[in-house]
Amino acid sequence: MLVIVVESAPDRLRGRLALWLLEVRAGVYVGKPARRVRDMIIDNVCKGIDEGNAVIAWSTNTESGFDFITIGENRRIPQEMDGIKLVSFLPADK
């Protein structure tokens, strides 16, 4: 399973994601592509996100059962602690 959530993404990227995945809500894409296709989709998101941001989560054989990455400016930053990926928050802008 692959889940991608984008914010402020360009229309061309959103259209491209809609080719490979199902858009269940505005900016939320889900699907179950093969690993090579998943890697190609992630590469497309990294190259096409521009000023937006994204979080990508997928099923994998880990303690939690999934892994994720974030792309672009966001307050939530993945941090690995004792082999488990958690989320830390940057301080709010004043």
C-alpha atoms as a PDB file:
ATOM      1  CA  MET A   1       0.000   0.000   0.000  1.00  0.00           C
ATOM      2  CA  LEU A   2       1.219   3.464  -0.874  1.00  0.00           C
ATOM      3  CA  VAL A   3      -0.285   6.696   0.490  1.00  0.00           C
ATOM      4  CA  ILE A   4       0.785  10.160  -0.682  1.00  0.00           C
ATOM      5  CA  VAL A   5      -0.536  13.420   0.767  1.00  0.00           C
ATOM      6  CA  VAL A   6       0.431  16.630  -1.022  1.00  0.00           C
ATOM      7  CA  GLU A   7      -0.141  20.280  -0.103  1.00  0.00           C
ATOM      8  CA  SER A   8       0.330  23.203  -2.501  1.00  0.00           C
ATOM      9  CA  ALA A   9       1.491  20.813  -5.223  1.00  0.00           C
ATOM     10  CA  PRO A  10       1.508  21.972  -8.855  1.00  0.00           C
ATOM     11  CA  ASP A  11      -1.390  20.775 -11.006  1.00  0.00           C
ATOM     12  CA  ARG A  12       0.972  18.878 -13.315  1.00  0.00           C
ATOM     13  CA  LEU A  13       2.195  16.743 -10.385  1.00  0.00           C
ATOM     14  CA  ARG A  14      -1.331  16.125  -9.115  1.00  0.00           C
ATOM     15  CA  GLY A  15      -2.402  15.047 -12.598  1.00  0.00           C
ATOM     16  CA  ARG A  16       0.576  12.722 -12.895  1.00  0.00           C
ATOM     17  CA  LEU A  17      -0.178  11.134  -9.506  1.00  0.00           C
ATOM     18  CA  ALA A  18      -3.788  10.583 -10.592  1.00  0.00           C
ATOM     19  CA  LEU A  19      -2.487   8.433 -13.473  1.00  0.00           C
ATOM     20  CA  TRP A  20      -0.925   5.885 -11.113  1.00  0.00           C
ATOM     21  CA  LEU A  21      -2.965   6.214  -7.906  1.00  0.00           C
ATOM     22  CA  LEU A  22      -6.540   6.854  -6.813  1.00  0.00           C
ATOM     23  CA  GLU A  23      -7.223  10.352  -5.427  1.00  0.00           C
ATOM     24  CA  VAL A  24      -9.601   9.607  -2.529  1.00  0.00           C
ATOM     25  CA  ARG A  25      -9.630  13.207  -1.256  1.00  0.00           C
ATOM     26  CA  ALA A  26      -8.105  16.401  -2.545  1.00  0.00           C
ATOM     27  CA  GLY A  27      -4.352  15.834  -2.378  1.00  0.00           C
ATOM     28  CA  VAL A  28      -4.603  12.286  -0.919  1.00  0.00           C
ATOM     29  CA  TYR A  29      -3.529   9.452  -3.232  1.00  0.00           C
ATOM     30  CA  VAL A  30      -3.600   5.706  -2.473  1.00  0.00           C
ATOM     31  CA  GLY A  31      -2.672   2.577  -4.379  1.00  0.00           C
ATOM     32  CA  LYS A  32      -0.694  -0.632  -4.354  1.00  0.00           C
ATOM     33  CA  PRO A  33       1.972  -0.308  -7.060  1.00  0.00           C
ATOM     34  CA  ALA A  34       4.937  -2.634  -7.513  1.00  0.00           C
ATOM     35  CA  ARG A  35       8.186  -1.570  -5.840  1.00  0.00           C
ATOM     36  CA  ARG A  36       9.771  -0.239  -9.048  1.00  0.00           C
ATOM     37  CA  VAL A  37       6.662   1.792  -9.825  1.00  0.00           C
ATOM     38  CA  ARG A  38       6.556   3.086  -6.231  1.00  0.00           C
ATOM     39  CA  ASP A  39      10.178   4.226  -6.503  1.00  0.00           C
ATOM     40  CA  MET A  40       9.414   5.957  -9.821  1.00  0.00           C
ATOM     41  CA  ILE A  41       6.391   7.723  -8.271  1.00  0.00           C
ATOM     42  CA  ILE A  42       8.461   8.893  -5.293  1.00  0.00           C
ATOM     43  CA  ASP A  43      11.120  10.216  -7.683  1.00  0.00           C
ATOM     44  CA  ASN A  44       8.432  12.122  -9.629  1.00  0.00           C
ATOM     45  CA  VAL A  45       7.080  13.669  -6.415  1.00  0.00           C
ATOM     46  CA  CYS A  46      10.582  14.714  -5.300  1.00  0.00           C
ATOM     47  CA  LYS A  47      11.299  16.375  -8.648  1.00  0.00           C
ATOM     48  CA  GLY A  48       7.876  17.967  -9.165  1.00  0.00           C
ATOM     49  CA  ILE A  49       6.783  19.228  -5.727  1.00  0.00           C
ATOM     50  CA  ASP A  50       8.237  22.753  -6.286  1.00  0.00           C
ATOM     51  CA  GLU A  51       7.112  24.999  -3.374  1.00  0.00           C
ATOM     52  CA  GLY A  52       4.662  22.430  -1.986  1.00  0.00           C
ATOM     53  CA  ASN A  53       5.211  19.592   0.454  1.00  0.00           C
ATOM     54  CA  ALA A  54       4.347  15.925   0.635  1.00  0.00           C
ATOM     55  CA  VAL A  55       4.413  12.929   2.923  1.00  0.00           C
ATOM     56  CA  ILE A  56       4.714   9.467   1.400  1.00  0.00           C
ATOM     57  CA  ALA A  57       4.012   6.301   3.422  1.00  0.00           C
ATOM     58  CA  TRP A  58       4.212   2.703   2.250  1.00  0.00           C
ATOM     59  CA  SER A  59       3.902  -0.814   3.662  1.00  0.00           C
ATOM     60  CA  THR A  60       7.178  -2.558   4.391  1.00  0.00           C
ATOM     61  CA  ASN A  61       8.683  -5.222   6.620  1.00  0.00           C
ATOM     62  CA  THR A  62       9.573  -3.102   9.664  1.00  0.00           C
ATOM     63  CA  GLU A  63       8.574  -3.127  13.316  1.00  0.00           C
ATOM     64  CA  SER A  64       5.783  -0.634  12.641  1.00  0.00           C
ATOM     65  CA  GLY A  65       4.758  -2.245   9.323  1.00  0.00           C
ATOM     66  CA  PHE A  66       5.330   0.915   7.277  1.00  0.00           C
ATOM     67  CA  ASP A  67       7.927   3.531   6.391  1.00  0.00           C
ATOM     68  CA  PHE A  68       7.542   7.165   5.323  1.00  0.00           C
ATOM     69  CA  ILE A  69       9.376  10.220   4.065  1.00  0.00           C
ATOM     70  CA  THR A  70       8.538  13.909   3.938  1.00  0.00           C
ATOM     71  CA  ILE A  71       9.405  16.224   1.061  1.00  0.00           C
ATOM     72  CA  GLY A  72       9.432  20.028   1.091  1.00  0.00           C
ATOM     73  CA  GLU A  73       8.970  22.587   3.855  1.00  0.00           C
ATOM     74  CA  ASN A  74       6.974  21.185   6.755  1.00  0.00           C
ATOM     75  CA  ARG A  75       6.957  21.413  10.551  1.00  0.00           C
ATOM     76  CA  ARG A  76       6.920  17.620  10.866  1.00  0.00           C
ATOM     77  CA  ILE A  77      10.337  16.012  10.499  1.00  0.00           C
ATOM     78  CA  PRO A  78      10.936  12.223  10.615  1.00  0.00           C
ATOM     79  CA  GLN A  79      13.395  11.123  13.308  1.00  0.00           C
ATOM     80  CA  GLU A  80      14.653   7.577  13.796  1.00  0.00           C
ATOM     81  CA  MET A  81      14.967   6.420  17.409  1.00  0.00           C
ATOM     82  CA  ASP A  82      15.987   2.874  18.321  1.00  0.00           C
ATOM     83  CA  GLY A  83      15.065   1.608  14.859  1.00  0.00           C
ATOM     84  CA  ILE A  84      11.563   3.144  14.858  1.00  0.00           C
ATOM     85  CA  LYS A  85      10.752   6.237  12.830  1.00  0.00           C
ATOM     86  CA  LEU A  86       8.904   8.910  14.797  1.00  0.00           C
ATOM     87  CA  VAL A  87       7.852  12.479  14.018  1.00  0.00           C
ATOM     88  CA  SER A  88       9.280  15.578  15.676  1.00  0.00           C
ATOM     89  CA  PHE A  89       7.967  19.090  15.252  1.00  0.00           C
ATOM     90  CA  LEU A  90       9.915  22.222  14.420  1.00  0.00           C
ATOM     91  CA  PRO A  91       9.043  25.276  16.530  1.00  0.00           C
ATOM     92  CA  ALA A  92       6.155  27.347  15.180  1.00  0.00           C
ATOM     93  CA  ASP A  93       7.124  30.527  13.296  1.00  0.00           C
ATOM     94  CA  LYS A  94       6.602  33.662  15.339  1.00  0.00           C
END
